Amino acid sequence: MRSSSGTGIFRPERAPGKGLAVHCLAFCDSLRTHHSGEEGAFTDFEKQFPQLAP
């Protein structure tokens, strides 16, 4: 997108608000929880199938 000022810098009319910050924090927390749950799963999988380990 081009700026209307001709500077080439896009500046949104409205900066992202609190909703975006809340969404990002919730996403990061969910991703952390998801990956923490995988900790033991792959260890057990690698024990059962050592030929598949990296």
C-alpha atoms as a PDB file:
ATOM      1  CA  MET A   1       0.000   0.000   0.000  1.00  0.00           C
ATOM      2  CA  ARG A   2       1.181   3.484  -0.699  1.00  0.00           C
ATOM      3  CA  SER A   3       0.860   6.340   1.675  1.00  0.00           C
ATOM      4  CA  SER A   4      -1.207   9.351   0.746  1.00  0.00           C
ATOM      5  CA  SER A   5       1.608  11.638   1.928  1.00  0.00           C
ATOM      6  CA  GLY A   6       3.925  10.490  -0.865  1.00  0.00           C
ATOM      7  CA  THR A   7       6.651   9.360   1.547  1.00  0.00           C
ATOM      8  CA  GLY A   8       6.265   5.707   0.605  1.00  0.00           C
ATOM      9  CA  ILE A   9       5.683   4.790   4.235  1.00  0.00           C
ATOM     10  CA  PHE A  10       2.345   3.185   4.989  1.00  0.00           C
ATOM     11  CA  ARG A  11       0.784   4.439   8.168  1.00  0.00           C
ATOM     12  CA  PRO A  12      -2.529   2.860   9.096  1.00  0.00           C
ATOM     13  CA  GLU A  13      -5.218   5.312  10.041  1.00  0.00           C
ATOM     14  CA  ARG A  14      -5.842   3.343  13.196  1.00  0.00           C
ATOM     15  CA  ALA A  15      -3.127   1.501  15.092  1.00  0.00           C
ATOM     16  CA  PRO A  16      -3.923  -2.042  16.243  1.00  0.00           C
ATOM     17  CA  GLY A  17      -5.518  -1.884  19.637  1.00  0.00           C
ATOM     18  CA  LYS A  18      -5.780  -3.946  22.741  1.00  0.00           C
ATOM     19  CA  GLY A  19      -7.596  -6.725  20.863  1.00  0.00           C
ATOM     20  CA  LEU A  20      -4.516  -7.583  18.821  1.00  0.00           C
ATOM     21  CA  ALA A  21      -2.315  -7.734  21.921  1.00  0.00           C
ATOM     22  CA  VAL A  22      -4.806 -10.002  23.676  1.00  0.00           C
ATOM     23  CA  HIS A  23      -5.006 -12.245  20.608  1.00  0.00           C
ATOM     24  CA  CYS A  24      -1.208 -12.502  20.320  1.00  0.00           C
ATOM     25  CA  LEU A  25      -0.765 -13.317  23.996  1.00  0.00           C
ATOM     26  CA  ALA A  26      -3.485 -15.968  23.846  1.00  0.00           C
ATOM     27  CA  PHE A  27      -1.948 -17.482  20.708  1.00  0.00           C
ATOM     28  CA  CYS A  28       1.528 -17.641  22.271  1.00  0.00           C
ATOM     29  CA  ASP A  29       0.130 -19.220  25.431  1.00  0.00           C
ATOM     30  CA  SER A  30      -1.741 -21.847  23.415  1.00  0.00           C
ATOM     31  CA  LEU A  31       1.336 -22.618  21.349  1.00  0.00           C
ATOM     32  CA  ARG A  32       3.464 -22.978  24.496  1.00  0.00           C
ATOM     33  CA  THR A  33       0.904 -25.310  26.048  1.00  0.00           C
ATOM     34  CA  HIS A  34       0.720 -27.360  22.847  1.00  0.00           C
ATOM     35  CA  HIS A  35       4.489 -27.754  22.605  1.00  0.00           C
ATOM     36  CA  SER A  36       4.856 -28.508  26.317  1.00  0.00           C
ATOM     37  CA  GLY A  37       2.411 -31.386  25.855  1.00  0.00           C
ATOM     38  CA  GLU A  38       4.629 -32.837  23.125  1.00  0.00           C
ATOM     39  CA  GLU A  39       7.683 -33.117  25.372  1.00  0.00           C
ATOM     40  CA  GLY A  40       7.111 -36.713  26.478  1.00  0.00           C
ATOM     41  CA  ALA A  41       5.269 -37.890  23.391  1.00  0.00           C
ATOM     42  CA  PHE A  42       8.255 -37.781  21.082  1.00  0.00           C
ATOM     43  CA  THR A  43      10.600 -39.269  23.655  1.00  0.00           C
ATOM     44  CA  ASP A  44       8.328 -42.305  23.976  1.00  0.00           C
ATOM     45  CA  PHE A  45       7.928 -42.493  20.201  1.00  0.00           C
ATOM     46  CA  GLU A  46      11.706 -42.441  19.696  1.00  0.00           C
ATOM     47  CA  LYS A  47      12.125 -45.245  22.245  1.00  0.00           C
ATOM     48  CA  GLN A  48       9.605 -47.405  20.392  1.00  0.00           C
ATOM     49  CA  PHE A  49      11.002 -46.573  16.937  1.00  0.00           C
ATOM     50  CA  PRO A  50      14.688 -45.613  17.319  1.00  0.00           C
ATOM     51  CA  GLN A  51      15.258 -45.879  13.575  1.00  0.00           C
ATOM     52  CA  LEU A  52      13.026 -42.814  13.108  1.00  0.00           C
ATOM     53  CA  ALA A  53      14.967 -40.572  15.515  1.00  0.00           C
ATOM     54  CA  PRO A  54      16.722 -37.582  13.922  1.00  0.00           C
END
